Structures are given as C-alpha cells and as structure tokens.
N, C-alpha and C. Protein backbone atom coordinates (compact mmCIF):
# COMPACT_ATOMS: atom_id res chain seq x y z
N MET A 1 0.84 -0.84 0.10
CA MET A 1 0.21 0.08 0.18
C MET A 1 0.83 1.45 0.36
N SER A 2 0.94 2.36 -1.08
CA SER A 2 1.37 3.48 -0.94
C SER A 2 0.61 4.19 -0.51
N VAL A 3 1.29 5.91 0.10
CA VAL A 3 0.68 6.18 0.38
C VAL A 3 0.47 7.50 -0.57
N ALA A 4 -0.87 8.13 -0.01
CA ALA A 4 -1.17 9.31 -1.47
C ALA A 4 -0.57 10.35 -1.38
N GLY A 5 -0.28 10.45 -3.12
CA GLY A 5 0.80 11.15 -3.79
C GLY A 5 2.23 11.27 -3.31
N SER A 6 2.48 9.69 -2.75
CA SER A 6 3.72 9.34 -2.87
C SER A 6 4.40 8.70 -4.37
N ASP A 7 5.62 8.63 -4.80
CA ASP A 7 5.99 7.91 -6.01
C ASP A 7 6.92 7.19 -5.65
N ALA A 8 7.09 6.81 -4.15
CA ALA A 8 8.17 5.84 -3.77
C ALA A 8 7.53 4.38 -4.02
N PRO A 9 7.89 3.53 -4.53
CA PRO A 9 7.57 2.21 -4.19
C PRO A 9 7.07 1.23 -2.75
N GLU A 10 6.67 0.40 -2.51
CA GLU A 10 6.74 0.12 -1.13
C GLU A 10 7.27 -1.05 -1.03
N VAL A 11 7.95 -0.68 0.16
CA VAL A 11 9.37 -1.51 0.20
C VAL A 11 8.56 -2.42 1.72
N ASN A 12 8.84 -3.60 1.23
CA ASN A 12 8.34 -4.40 2.54
C ASN A 12 10.23 -5.22 2.77
N PRO A 13 10.93 -4.99 3.87
CA PRO A 13 12.31 -5.65 4.25
C PRO A 13 12.04 -6.75 4.42
N ALA A 14 13.57 -7.66 4.44
CA ALA A 14 12.99 -9.15 3.84
C ALA A 14 13.56 -9.40 5.79
N PRO A 15 13.07 -10.65 5.85
CA PRO A 15 13.03 -11.05 7.23
C PRO A 15 14.32 -11.24 7.69
N VAL A 16 14.23 -11.26 8.80
CA VAL A 16 15.76 -11.15 9.75
C VAL A 16 16.18 -12.88 9.72
N SER A 17 17.27 -13.53 9.48
CA SER A 17 17.31 -15.09 9.68
C SER A 17 17.74 -15.43 11.45
N ALA A 18 17.76 -16.40 11.62
CA ALA A 18 18.40 -16.47 13.26
C ALA A 18 19.47 -16.46 13.13
N ASP A 19 20.40 -16.69 11.82
CA ASP A 19 21.57 -16.87 11.88
C ASP A 19 22.31 -15.27 12.05
N ALA A 20 21.54 -14.60 11.44
CA ALA A 20 22.22 -13.16 11.79
C ALA A 20 21.85 -12.50 12.58
N VAL A 21 20.81 -13.05 13.09
CA VAL A 21 20.12 -12.35 14.94
C VAL A 21 21.77 -12.98 15.95
N ARG A 22 21.79 -14.19 15.52
CA ARG A 22 22.97 -14.70 16.59
C ARG A 22 24.52 -13.96 16.13
N SER A 23 24.91 -13.79 15.27
CA SER A 23 25.80 -13.29 14.41
C SER A 23 25.88 -11.92 14.91
N ARG A 24 24.73 -11.28 15.16
CA ARG A 24 25.13 -10.18 15.55
C ARG A 24 25.11 -10.22 16.96
N ARG A 25 24.49 -10.44 17.75
CA ARG A 25 24.70 -10.63 19.56
C ARG A 25 26.14 -11.30 19.77
N GLN A 26 26.39 -11.89 18.84
CA GLN A 26 27.91 -12.75 19.72
C GLN A 26 28.90 -10.88 19.11
N LEU A 27 29.21 -10.27 18.16
CA LEU A 27 29.51 -9.31 18.10
C LEU A 27 29.39 -8.17 19.62
N TYR A 28 27.71 -7.98 19.81
CA TYR A 28 27.41 -6.98 21.31
C TYR A 28 28.49 -7.48 22.37
N LEU A 29 28.28 -8.67 22.19
CA LEU A 29 28.98 -9.68 23.26
C LEU A 29 30.32 -9.15 23.63
N ILE A 30 30.84 -9.87 21.92
CA ILE A 30 32.47 -9.72 22.47
C ILE A 30 33.05 -8.49 22.29
N ALA A 31 32.36 -7.60 21.84
CA ALA A 31 32.27 -5.61 21.87
C ALA A 31 32.11 -5.79 23.61
N LEU A 32 31.08 -6.06 24.54
CA LEU A 32 30.91 -5.77 25.22
C LEU A 32 32.08 -6.37 26.43
N ALA A 33 32.68 -7.31 25.78
CA ALA A 33 33.93 -8.24 26.38
C ALA A 33 35.59 -7.04 27.09
N PHE A 34 35.66 -6.10 25.43
CA PHE A 34 36.77 -5.78 25.82
C PHE A 34 36.04 -4.63 26.26
N ALA A 35 34.71 -3.93 26.29
CA ALA A 35 34.75 -2.45 26.88
C ALA A 35 34.15 -2.53 28.61
N ALA A 36 34.04 -3.53 28.95
CA ALA A 36 33.46 -3.98 30.45
C ALA A 36 34.51 -3.46 31.15
N PRO A 37 36.03 -4.13 30.94
CA PRO A 37 36.93 -3.25 32.22
C PRO A 37 37.23 -1.90 32.53
N LEU A 38 36.94 -1.67 30.88
CA LEU A 38 37.71 0.18 30.99
C LEU A 38 36.30 0.61 31.41
N LEU A 39 35.11 0.28 31.50
CA LEU A 39 33.65 1.14 32.31
C LEU A 39 34.00 0.41 33.21
N ILE A 40 34.46 -0.34 34.17
CA ILE A 40 35.02 -0.95 35.12
C ILE A 40 35.59 -0.04 36.07
N ALA A 41 36.49 0.10 35.76
CA ALA A 41 37.84 0.96 35.90
C ALA A 41 37.63 2.54 35.43
N MET A 42 36.61 2.78 35.02
CA MET A 42 36.45 4.73 35.07
C MET A 42 35.49 4.38 35.78
N LEU A 43 34.66 3.83 36.30
CA LEU A 43 33.30 3.50 37.41
C LEU A 43 34.79 3.75 38.81
N LEU A 44 35.22 2.76 38.96
CA LEU A 44 36.19 2.44 40.34
C LEU A 44 37.33 4.25 40.40
N ARG A 45 37.35 4.37 39.32
CA ARG A 45 38.53 6.07 39.50
C ARG A 45 37.55 7.09 39.72
N GLY A 46 36.54 6.80 39.20
CA GLY A 46 35.30 8.24 39.46
C GLY A 46 35.03 8.00 41.53
N LEU A 47 34.83 6.84 41.62
CA LEU A 47 34.43 6.91 42.89
C LEU A 47 35.61 7.05 43.96
N GLY A 48 36.47 7.15 43.46
CA GLY A 48 37.99 7.41 44.18
C GLY A 48 38.33 6.48 44.21
N TRP A 49 38.68 4.88 44.26
CA TRP A 49 39.13 4.07 44.78
C TRP A 49 40.42 3.88 43.88
N GLN A 50 41.51 3.17 44.54
CA GLN A 50 42.88 2.91 43.74
C GLN A 50 43.15 1.97 44.47
N PRO A 51 43.98 1.30 43.72
CA PRO A 51 44.55 0.04 43.72
C PRO A 51 45.77 -0.04 44.46
N ILE A 52 46.65 -0.85 45.64
CA ILE A 52 48.15 -0.61 45.79
C ILE A 52 48.81 -0.89 45.14
N ALA A 53 49.62 0.08 45.03
CA ALA A 53 50.41 -0.08 43.88
C ALA A 53 51.96 -0.31 44.37
N SER A 54 51.88 -1.46 45.81
CA SER A 54 53.20 -1.94 46.26
C SER A 54 53.79 -3.18 45.73
N ARG A 55 54.90 -3.00 44.83
CA ARG A 55 55.43 -4.56 44.55
C ARG A 55 56.46 -5.12 46.11
N ASN A 56 56.55 -4.12 46.88
CA ASN A 56 58.24 -3.90 47.96
C ASN A 56 56.85 -5.32 49.03
N HIS A 57 57.97 -6.14 49.22
CA HIS A 57 57.76 -6.95 50.29
C HIS A 57 58.36 -6.41 51.88
N GLY A 58 59.31 -5.17 52.23
CA GLY A 58 59.36 -4.33 52.92
C GLY A 58 58.24 -3.26 52.76
N ASN A 59 58.36 -2.32 53.95
CA ASN A 59 57.75 -1.46 54.21
C ASN A 59 58.43 0.06 53.76
N LEU A 60 58.07 0.71 52.82
CA LEU A 60 58.75 1.53 52.65
C LEU A 60 58.97 2.87 53.72
N VAL A 61 59.75 3.59 53.60
CA VAL A 61 60.18 4.51 54.70
C VAL A 61 59.65 5.78 53.84
N GLU A 62 58.80 6.41 54.70
CA GLU A 62 58.56 7.75 54.16
C GLU A 62 58.47 9.59 55.10
N PRO A 63 59.13 9.90 54.89
CA PRO A 63 60.33 9.91 54.00
C PRO A 63 61.11 9.22 54.22
N PRO A 64 62.17 8.99 53.04
CA PRO A 64 63.32 8.63 53.22
C PRO A 64 64.47 9.45 54.05
N PHE A 65 64.62 8.67 55.25
CA PHE A 65 66.13 10.21 55.46
C PHE A 65 67.33 9.35 55.82
N ASP A 66 68.49 10.29 56.13
CA ASP A 66 69.53 9.85 55.43
C ASP A 66 70.22 9.89 57.01
N ILE A 67 71.37 8.76 56.88
CA ILE A 67 72.07 8.46 57.71
C ILE A 67 73.72 8.73 57.57
N SER A 68 73.63 9.08 56.60
CA SER A 68 75.74 9.14 56.21
C SER A 68 76.09 9.93 56.77
N ALA A 69 75.60 10.94 57.63
CA ALA A 69 76.32 12.08 58.69
C ALA A 69 76.81 11.70 59.30
N ILE A 70 75.75 10.27 60.32
CA ILE A 70 76.42 9.91 61.55
C ILE A 70 77.58 8.93 61.09
N ALA A 71 78.30 9.27 62.40
CA ALA A 71 79.66 8.42 62.19
C ALA A 71 79.18 7.21 62.92
N LEU A 72 79.68 6.03 62.17
CA LEU A 72 79.74 4.67 62.33
C LEU A 72 80.85 4.17 62.55
N THR A 73 81.50 3.37 63.34
CA THR A 73 82.52 3.08 63.71
C THR A 73 83.12 1.27 64.33
N ARG A 74 83.81 0.91 63.16
CA ARG A 74 83.99 -0.81 63.33
C ARG A 74 84.84 -1.36 64.71
N PRO A 75 84.62 -2.17 64.88
CA PRO A 75 84.67 -2.42 66.52
C PRO A 75 86.28 -2.15 66.63
N ASP A 76 87.04 -2.22 65.68
CA ASP A 76 89.11 -2.08 65.61
C ASP A 76 88.62 -0.17 65.83
N GLY A 77 87.73 0.23 65.47
CA GLY A 77 88.32 1.60 66.05
C GLY A 77 88.00 2.47 64.73
N SER A 78 88.16 1.94 63.35
CA SER A 78 87.82 3.02 62.53
C SER A 78 86.56 3.19 61.89
N ALA A 79 86.46 3.97 61.11
CA ALA A 79 85.17 4.37 60.83
C ALA A 79 84.76 3.54 59.39
N TYR A 80 82.86 3.56 59.42
CA TYR A 80 82.50 3.17 58.37
C TYR A 80 82.50 4.25 57.23
N GLU A 81 82.94 4.27 56.22
CA GLU A 81 82.51 5.26 54.90
C GLU A 81 81.51 4.69 54.06
N TRP A 82 80.79 5.61 53.77
CA TRP A 82 79.52 5.51 52.69
C TRP A 82 80.28 5.85 51.67
N ARG A 83 80.46 4.93 50.26
CA ARG A 83 81.12 5.38 48.95
C ARG A 83 79.51 5.33 47.87
N PRO A 84 78.76 6.59 48.36
CA PRO A 84 78.22 6.11 46.86
C PRO A 84 78.30 6.05 45.57
N LEU A 85 79.51 6.62 45.09
CA LEU A 85 79.61 6.27 43.86
C LEU A 85 79.96 4.49 43.50
N GLU A 86 80.15 4.08 44.24
CA GLU A 86 80.19 2.31 44.40
C GLU A 86 78.84 1.85 44.26
N ALA A 87 77.47 2.27 44.24
CA ALA A 87 76.09 1.95 44.36
C ALA A 87 76.35 0.44 44.94
N ARG A 88 76.61 0.68 46.07
CA ARG A 88 76.50 -0.63 47.28
C ARG A 88 75.19 -0.01 48.23
N PHE A 89 73.93 -1.01 48.12
CA PHE A 89 73.21 -0.78 48.93
C PHE A 89 73.45 -1.83 50.70
N HIS A 90 72.90 -1.47 51.72
CA HIS A 90 72.89 -1.90 52.85
C HIS A 90 71.72 -2.26 53.50
N LEU A 91 72.16 -3.41 54.08
CA LEU A 91 71.17 -3.87 55.19
C LEU A 91 71.65 -3.85 56.65
N LEU A 92 70.77 -2.93 56.95
CA LEU A 92 71.01 -2.36 58.70
C LEU A 92 70.60 -3.32 59.62
N VAL A 93 71.31 -4.04 60.27
CA VAL A 93 70.88 -5.00 61.78
C VAL A 93 70.92 -3.88 63.18
N ARG A 94 70.36 -3.81 64.07
CA ARG A 94 70.46 -3.52 65.19
C ARG A 94 70.42 -5.12 66.12
N GLN A 95 71.51 -5.38 66.84
CA GLN A 95 71.94 -6.65 67.99
C GLN A 95 71.80 -5.87 69.01
N GLU A 96 70.84 -5.74 69.77
CA GLU A 96 70.63 -5.69 71.16
C GLU A 96 70.97 -6.78 72.22
N GLY A 97 71.80 -6.37 72.99
CA GLY A 97 72.56 -7.58 74.27
C GLY A 97 73.70 -8.59 73.29
N ASP A 98 73.34 -9.48 73.91
CA ASP A 98 74.38 -10.90 73.09
C ASP A 98 73.59 -11.62 71.87
N CYS A 99 74.40 -12.00 71.50
CA CYS A 99 74.13 -12.86 70.02
C CYS A 99 73.96 -14.19 70.24
N ASP A 100 72.79 -14.45 70.44
CA ASP A 100 71.83 -15.98 70.64
C ASP A 100 71.63 -16.98 69.86
N THR A 101 71.32 -17.73 69.98
CA THR A 101 70.94 -18.86 68.84
C THR A 101 69.84 -18.16 67.89
N GLY A 102 69.12 -17.27 68.21
CA GLY A 102 68.07 -16.64 67.35
C GLY A 102 68.99 -15.89 66.47
N CYS A 103 69.56 -14.61 67.39
CA CYS A 103 70.76 -14.20 66.19
C CYS A 103 71.37 -14.52 65.69
N ALA A 104 71.77 -15.81 66.08
CA ALA A 104 72.73 -16.30 64.78
C ALA A 104 72.10 -16.90 63.72
N ARG A 105 70.67 -17.68 64.06
CA ARG A 105 69.69 -17.53 62.56
C ARG A 105 69.41 -16.96 62.29
N PHE A 106 69.62 -15.94 62.19
CA PHE A 106 68.82 -14.48 61.84
C PHE A 106 69.85 -14.29 60.62
N ALA A 107 71.26 -13.77 61.72
CA ALA A 107 72.64 -13.73 60.43
C ALA A 107 72.87 -14.92 59.68
N ASP A 108 72.65 -16.35 60.14
CA ASP A 108 72.77 -16.87 58.94
C ASP A 108 71.63 -17.10 57.33
N MET A 109 70.31 -16.49 58.04
CA MET A 109 69.45 -16.24 57.05
C MET A 109 70.13 -14.94 56.01
N LEU A 110 70.73 -13.71 56.81
CA LEU A 110 70.95 -12.90 55.42
C LEU A 110 72.14 -13.00 54.82
N HIS A 111 72.94 -14.38 55.53
CA HIS A 111 73.71 -14.50 54.18
C HIS A 111 73.12 -15.26 53.34
N ARG A 112 72.29 -16.15 53.36
CA ARG A 112 71.97 -17.03 52.43
C ARG A 112 71.26 -15.91 51.64
N VAL A 113 70.16 -14.81 51.75
CA VAL A 113 69.39 -13.72 51.19
C VAL A 113 70.56 -13.23 50.56
N TRP A 114 71.93 -13.29 51.36
CA TRP A 114 73.29 -11.95 50.39
C TRP A 114 73.88 -13.47 49.16
N ALA A 115 74.24 -14.20 49.59
CA ALA A 115 74.63 -15.60 48.79
C ALA A 115 74.11 -15.33 47.54
N ALA A 116 72.63 -15.55 47.29
CA ALA A 116 71.49 -15.78 46.58
C ALA A 116 71.77 -14.66 45.53
N GLN A 117 72.35 -13.74 45.60
CA GLN A 117 72.46 -12.55 44.69
C GLN A 117 73.09 -12.55 43.70
N GLY A 118 74.55 -13.58 44.08
CA GLY A 118 74.94 -13.96 43.18
C GLY A 118 76.31 -12.93 43.13
N ARG A 119 76.78 -13.17 41.49
CA ARG A 119 77.58 -11.95 41.43
C ARG A 119 77.37 -10.42 41.73
N GLN A 120 75.45 -10.02 41.88
CA GLN A 120 75.10 -8.29 42.40
C GLN A 120 75.50 -9.01 43.59
N ALA A 121 75.80 -9.86 44.78
CA ALA A 121 76.47 -9.64 46.30
C ALA A 121 76.87 -8.96 46.55
N GLU A 122 78.26 -8.72 45.53
CA GLU A 122 79.40 -7.69 45.84
C GLU A 122 78.86 -6.19 46.21
N ARG A 123 77.42 -6.17 45.41
CA ARG A 123 76.97 -4.61 45.98
C ARG A 123 76.10 -4.54 47.04
N LEU A 124 76.13 -5.06 47.91
CA LEU A 124 75.30 -5.16 48.95
C LEU A 124 76.76 -5.58 50.49
N ASP A 125 75.95 -4.26 51.13
CA ASP A 125 77.06 -4.74 52.45
C ASP A 125 76.12 -5.36 53.56
N VAL A 126 76.06 -5.58 54.46
CA VAL A 126 75.20 -6.15 55.64
C VAL A 126 76.13 -5.32 56.87
N LEU A 127 75.40 -4.08 57.50
CA LEU A 127 75.88 -3.25 58.69
C LEU A 127 75.63 -4.22 59.76
N TRP A 128 76.11 -4.54 60.63
CA TRP A 128 75.82 -5.06 61.85
C TRP A 128 76.25 -4.25 63.37
N LEU A 129 75.45 -3.69 63.73
CA LEU A 129 75.30 -2.63 64.55
C LEU A 129 75.27 -4.17 66.21
N GLY A 130 76.53 -3.74 67.23
CA GLY A 130 75.93 -4.66 68.06
C GLY A 130 76.72 -5.71 68.24
N ASP A 131 76.51 -6.63 68.97
CA ASP A 131 77.32 -8.15 69.34
C ASP A 131 77.28 -9.02 68.16
N ALA A 132 78.65 -9.03 67.54
CA ALA A 132 78.62 -9.65 66.62
C ALA A 132 77.79 -11.71 66.48
N PRO A 133 77.63 -12.11 65.33
CA PRO A 133 77.30 -13.41 65.46
C PRO A 133 78.46 -14.15 65.35
N PRO A 134 78.30 -15.44 65.24
CA PRO A 134 79.39 -15.92 65.40
C PRO A 134 80.08 -15.97 63.80
N ALA A 135 81.54 -16.63 64.44
CA ALA A 135 82.51 -16.56 62.67
C ALA A 135 82.08 -16.78 61.68
N PRO A 136 81.39 -18.06 61.80
CA PRO A 136 80.74 -18.99 60.59
C PRO A 136 80.01 -18.05 59.71
N THR A 137 78.96 -17.54 60.12
CA THR A 137 77.86 -16.66 59.93
C THR A 137 78.26 -15.34 59.15
N GLN A 138 80.06 -15.16 59.43
CA GLN A 138 80.19 -13.48 59.13
C GLN A 138 80.67 -13.84 57.65
N PHE A 139 80.62 -12.79 56.52
CA PHE A 139 80.77 -13.25 55.17
C PHE A 139 81.21 -12.39 54.83
N ARG A 140 82.36 -12.06 53.59
CA ARG A 140 82.46 -11.01 52.45
C ARG A 140 81.50 -9.77 52.45
N HIS A 141 81.57 -8.81 52.81
CA HIS A 141 80.62 -7.27 52.56
C HIS A 141 79.88 -7.59 54.33
N TRP A 142 80.18 -8.51 55.12
CA TRP A 142 79.86 -8.05 56.39
C TRP A 142 80.54 -6.51 56.77
N VAL A 143 80.35 -6.23 57.71
CA VAL A 143 80.74 -4.93 58.30
C VAL A 143 80.09 -4.94 60.02
N GLY A 144 80.86 -5.39 60.58
CA GLY A 144 80.36 -5.06 62.22
C GLY A 144 80.81 -3.94 62.18
N LEU A 145 79.83 -2.98 63.02
CA LEU A 145 79.72 -1.57 63.89
C LEU A 145 79.68 -1.61 65.38
N GLN A 146 79.74 -1.05 65.64
CA GLN A 146 79.75 -0.44 67.38
C GLN A 146 78.33 0.13 67.45
N PRO A 147 77.31 0.00 68.07
CA PRO A 147 76.40 0.60 68.69
C PRO A 147 76.30 2.10 68.35
N SER A 148 75.76 2.99 68.13
CA SER A 148 75.43 4.39 68.14
C SER A 148 74.53 4.87 68.45
N THR A 149 74.87 5.66 69.75
CA THR A 149 73.90 6.46 70.31
C THR A 149 72.91 7.72 69.50
N GLU A 150 73.82 7.97 68.40
CA GLU A 150 73.41 9.16 67.92
C GLU A 150 72.89 8.38 66.48
N LEU A 151 73.04 7.10 66.06
CA LEU A 151 72.17 6.59 65.08
C LEU A 151 70.58 5.99 65.71
N GLU A 152 70.90 5.47 66.81
CA GLU A 152 69.52 5.35 67.82
C GLU A 152 68.45 5.94 67.75
N ALA A 153 69.11 7.76 67.90
CA ALA A 153 68.39 8.61 68.39
C ALA A 153 67.29 8.79 66.89
N ALA A 154 68.46 8.98 66.11
CA ALA A 154 67.76 9.18 64.48
C ALA A 154 67.01 8.68 63.97
N LEU A 155 66.94 7.00 64.29
CA LEU A 155 65.78 5.66 64.15
C LEU A 155 64.86 5.79 65.19
N LYS A 156 64.80 6.27 66.70
CA LYS A 156 63.63 6.31 66.99
C LYS A 156 63.21 7.68 66.87
N GLU A 157 63.29 8.94 66.11
CA GLU A 157 62.88 10.06 65.92
C GLU A 157 62.23 9.83 64.20
N GLN A 158 62.55 9.33 63.86
CA GLN A 158 61.77 8.53 62.68
C GLN A 158 60.87 7.38 62.53
N GLY A 159 60.76 6.93 63.85
CA GLY A 159 59.39 6.10 64.32
C GLY A 159 60.52 4.52 63.48
N VAL A 160 61.47 3.93 63.58
CA VAL A 160 61.72 2.88 62.48
C VAL A 160 63.15 1.66 63.48
N ALA A 161 63.00 2.75 64.81
CA ALA A 161 63.97 1.96 65.92
C ALA A 161 63.47 0.24 65.71
N ASP A 162 62.55 0.04 65.88
CA ASP A 162 61.75 -1.09 66.09
C ASP A 162 61.75 -2.00 65.05
N ALA A 163 61.99 -1.66 64.02
CA ALA A 163 62.08 -2.51 63.11
C ALA A 163 63.36 -3.72 62.67
N ALA A 164 63.17 -4.56 62.57
CA ALA A 164 64.37 -5.82 62.58
C ALA A 164 65.61 -6.14 61.41
N LEU A 165 65.09 -5.20 60.55
CA LEU A 165 66.23 -4.87 59.51
C LEU A 165 65.73 -3.41 58.71
N LEU A 166 66.45 -2.84 58.06
CA LEU A 166 66.33 -1.65 57.20
C LEU A 166 67.74 -1.50 56.25
N MET A 167 66.58 -1.13 55.08
CA MET A 167 67.31 -1.19 53.73
C MET A 167 68.11 0.30 53.70
N VAL A 168 69.25 0.71 53.29
CA VAL A 168 69.79 1.81 52.85
C VAL A 168 70.24 1.81 51.73
N ASP A 169 69.65 2.86 50.98
CA ASP A 169 70.87 3.09 50.09
C ASP A 169 71.86 3.61 49.63
N PRO A 170 72.25 3.60 48.73
CA PRO A 170 73.95 3.83 48.20
C PRO A 170 74.37 4.92 49.01
N ASN A 171 73.63 6.54 48.96
CA ASN A 171 73.69 7.26 49.72
C ASN A 171 73.60 7.82 50.90
N GLY A 172 72.82 6.41 51.77
CA GLY A 172 72.80 6.62 53.17
C GLY A 172 71.25 6.67 53.43
N PHE A 173 70.22 7.09 52.72
CA PHE A 173 69.58 7.09 53.43
C PHE A 173 68.19 5.73 53.27
N VAL A 174 67.48 5.76 54.38
CA VAL A 174 66.98 4.97 55.23
C VAL A 174 65.77 4.83 54.17
N MET A 175 65.36 3.55 53.41
CA MET A 175 64.46 3.62 52.46
C MET A 175 63.34 2.95 53.09
N MET A 176 63.71 1.74 53.32
CA MET A 176 62.71 0.61 53.74
C MET A 176 62.85 -0.08 55.33
N ARG A 177 62.02 -1.06 55.45
CA ARG A 177 61.71 -1.45 56.53
C ARG A 177 61.57 -2.52 56.63
N TYR A 178 62.08 -4.22 57.60
CA TYR A 178 61.05 -5.23 57.66
C TYR A 178 61.18 -5.25 59.15
N GLU A 179 59.99 -5.99 59.27
CA GLU A 179 59.33 -6.37 60.83
C GLU A 179 59.82 -7.26 60.97
N GLY A 180 59.64 -7.54 62.46
CA GLY A 180 60.21 -8.98 62.98
C GLY A 180 59.25 -10.36 62.44
N GLY A 181 60.63 -11.15 61.65
CA GLY A 181 59.48 -12.48 60.92
C GLY A 181 59.26 -12.16 59.78
N PHE A 182 59.74 -11.07 59.45
CA PHE A 182 59.45 -11.07 57.49
C PHE A 182 59.95 -12.18 56.68
N ASP A 183 59.61 -12.38 55.72
CA ASP A 183 59.69 -13.43 54.93
C ASP A 183 61.16 -13.44 54.01
N PRO A 184 61.94 -14.45 54.57
CA PRO A 184 63.55 -14.10 53.27
C PRO A 184 63.29 -14.01 51.90
N SER A 185 62.84 -14.69 51.64
CA SER A 185 62.38 -14.96 50.01
C SER A 185 62.19 -13.36 49.62
N GLY A 186 61.47 -12.62 50.25
CA GLY A 186 60.73 -11.25 50.01
C GLY A 186 61.66 -10.39 50.14
N LEU A 187 62.83 -10.70 50.83
CA LEU A 187 63.77 -9.55 51.46
C LEU A 187 64.70 -9.67 49.80
N ARG A 188 64.60 -10.98 49.32
CA ARG A 188 65.80 -11.17 47.83
C ARG A 188 65.06 -10.75 47.14
N LEU A 189 63.93 -10.61 46.97
CA LEU A 189 63.14 -10.48 46.21
C LEU A 189 63.54 -8.61 45.39
N ASP A 190 63.06 -8.00 46.78
CA ASP A 190 63.63 -6.60 46.78
C ASP A 190 64.97 -5.88 46.53
N ILE A 191 65.62 -7.07 47.08
CA ILE A 191 67.24 -6.46 47.26
C ILE A 191 67.27 -6.91 44.92
N LYS A 192 66.81 -7.63 44.91
CA LYS A 192 67.22 -7.93 43.70
C LYS A 192 66.67 -7.28 42.65
N ARG A 193 65.60 -6.44 43.22
CA ARG A 193 65.17 -5.44 41.82
C ARG A 193 65.95 -4.28 41.75
N LEU A 194 66.31 -3.84 43.57
CA LEU A 194 67.23 -2.77 43.17
C LEU A 194 68.80 -2.45 42.78
N ILE A 195 69.48 -3.99 42.91
CA ILE A 195 70.63 -4.15 42.54
C ILE A 195 70.77 -4.77 41.37
N LYS A 196 69.91 -4.98 40.43
CA LYS A 196 70.18 -5.78 39.10
C LYS A 196 70.75 -4.68 38.10
C-alpha cells in the first residue's frame, strides 16, 4: 500500500534470519567483553578507589631519611665510610645484647639472602651494629659496627627503631624497613629488584 501522493514504491524489508541475529548478538557480546573492564575501571576511578601499587615486601620509609652524616665505627675503631659512587646498598641490623641462637639464625638467613644475589652480592653490605654473630656466619661484605647512640636517636625520631632490618640506599638514606618475622624470600626479591 502506498501513501497518497507518494511516488516511492512500497518496500517490505526482508525477514532477518536466526543466524544473522545470533551473529549480531555475538558481536555485541565480544564488544562488551572488551569494553567492560574499561567501564569498570572508569567507574572505580570516579568513585575514588585506588589499587595498592606496591610490589615491595618490606615497608617503604616515608620519607626516606639520611644517616650518612652519622659516624659509624667498626670494632677496631676505624670509621665506616659511605661510598655512594660504588652503588652499594646496605642492610642495617641492630643487635641488642648478646648474640644468642636466634641472632645466629638471623645472621645465617642474611648470609643466605646475600649469597642468593650471586655476582650482584658484591653491591650489598650487611651492617651489623652490636654483638657480632659467630664467625662462620660472617661473610664478605659483612661489616661489624659499634652501637651508635646518635644512630639510635635518629631511628627513634623517625619511628623505625623497632624494625628488625633496615635497607639503606648507596647515599645513606634509610628507605625500607622489615618487621620481625619477615619472609627472607621477599627480602631477596626486593634486593634483586634494586641491585640488578
């Protein structure tokens, strides 16, 4: 049937086959599968949600603070010198009291973490303040140091005096802390990322 006054022929659309409907539906589902993550991310961002963007196993010290000006002394009385040009990282351990069995196990664990770095271990010093562990646990780049009241005061002031281990960058900035009972494999991975 044509409308009065219209010269256009009457057009009846062809019926759409079930295959065409199925194909079109699949196309829409594929497009939705690619668009959905973007839409969800935009929604979460709009609501103010942020994912935790940390791959570290230790806790970052915010802000990092400098201890390179604090005089650290070896047991023989010589000074420990920071050498930033050597790009050497430091693990700082403060041993209070006598080095008992737990202390010796901790030192052995640090030795294993240090040795696991392979040739990059040459870029890592372990600074041990206080009573030294047994001789077999000591290793190359293990540096025994006398306790320092100035360092203790700086660590307390920054709120990191209770950490089991501190990571210090080549310039002498305390940048990461590890609480007691930390996972040694996490420490190993953090070191590997830093000194590769």
